[in-house]
C-alpha cells in the first residue's frame, strides 16, 4: 500500500498547477458571462 502510494503521486506540481489554472479560467469565464447577462438584462 505504502509502496504504491510512494511510487505514484496523485499528480505532479506542474499538473496540479495546470488543473488549478484551468479551473480558475472556467470560473472567470462563467463569472464574466453572468455579469454580462445581468448588466444586459437590466437587472
Protein backbone atom coordinates (compact mmCIF):
# COMPACT_ATOMS: atom_id res chain seq x y z
CA UNK A 1 0.00 0.00 0.00
CA UNK A 2 2.70 2.43 1.04
CA UNK A 3 4.93 1.41 -1.88
CA UNK A 4 2.16 2.08 -4.40
CA UNK A 5 1.48 5.49 -2.86
CA UNK A 6 5.17 6.41 -2.94
CA UNK A 7 5.62 5.09 -6.47
CA UNK A 8 2.71 7.05 -7.94
CA UNK A 9 1.79 10.52 -6.80
CA UNK A 10 -1.74 11.76 -7.44
CA UNK A 11 -0.32 14.49 -9.69
CA UNK A 12 2.90 16.45 -10.01
CA UNK A 13 3.22 20.14 -9.13
CA UNK A 14 3.11 21.09 -12.82
CA UNK A 15 -0.04 19.06 -13.48
CA UNK A 16 -1.71 20.42 -10.34
CA UNK A 17 -0.85 23.97 -11.38
CA UNK A 18 -2.31 23.36 -14.85
CA UNK A 19 -5.53 21.95 -13.40
CA UNK A 20 -5.79 24.82 -10.91
CA UNK A 21 -5.24 27.40 -13.68
CA UNK A 22 -7.85 25.70 -15.88
CA UNK A 23 -10.43 25.80 -13.08
CA UNK A 24 -9.71 29.49 -12.46
CA UNK A 25 -10.15 30.28 -16.17
CA UNK A 26 -13.50 28.47 -16.23
CA UNK A 27 -14.69 30.34 -13.13
CA UNK A 28 -13.60 33.67 -14.65
CA UNK A 29 -15.46 32.94 -17.91
CA UNK A 30 -18.64 31.91 -16.06
CA UNK A 31 -18.42 34.94 -13.77
CA UNK A 32 -17.91 37.27 -16.75
CA UNK A 33 -20.84 35.73 -18.66
CA UNK A 34 -23.09 36.12 -15.60
CA UNK A 35 -22.10 39.78 -15.25
CA UNK A 36 -22.84 40.44 -18.93
CA UNK A 37 -26.26 38.75 -18.65
CA UNK A 38 -27.14 40.72 -15.51
CA UNK A 39 -26.00 44.06 -16.99
CA UNK A 40 -27.56 43.31 -20.40
CA UNK A 41 -30.83 42.19 -18.80
CA UNK A 42 -31.13 45.48 -16.93
CA UNK A 43 -31.48 43.74 -13.58
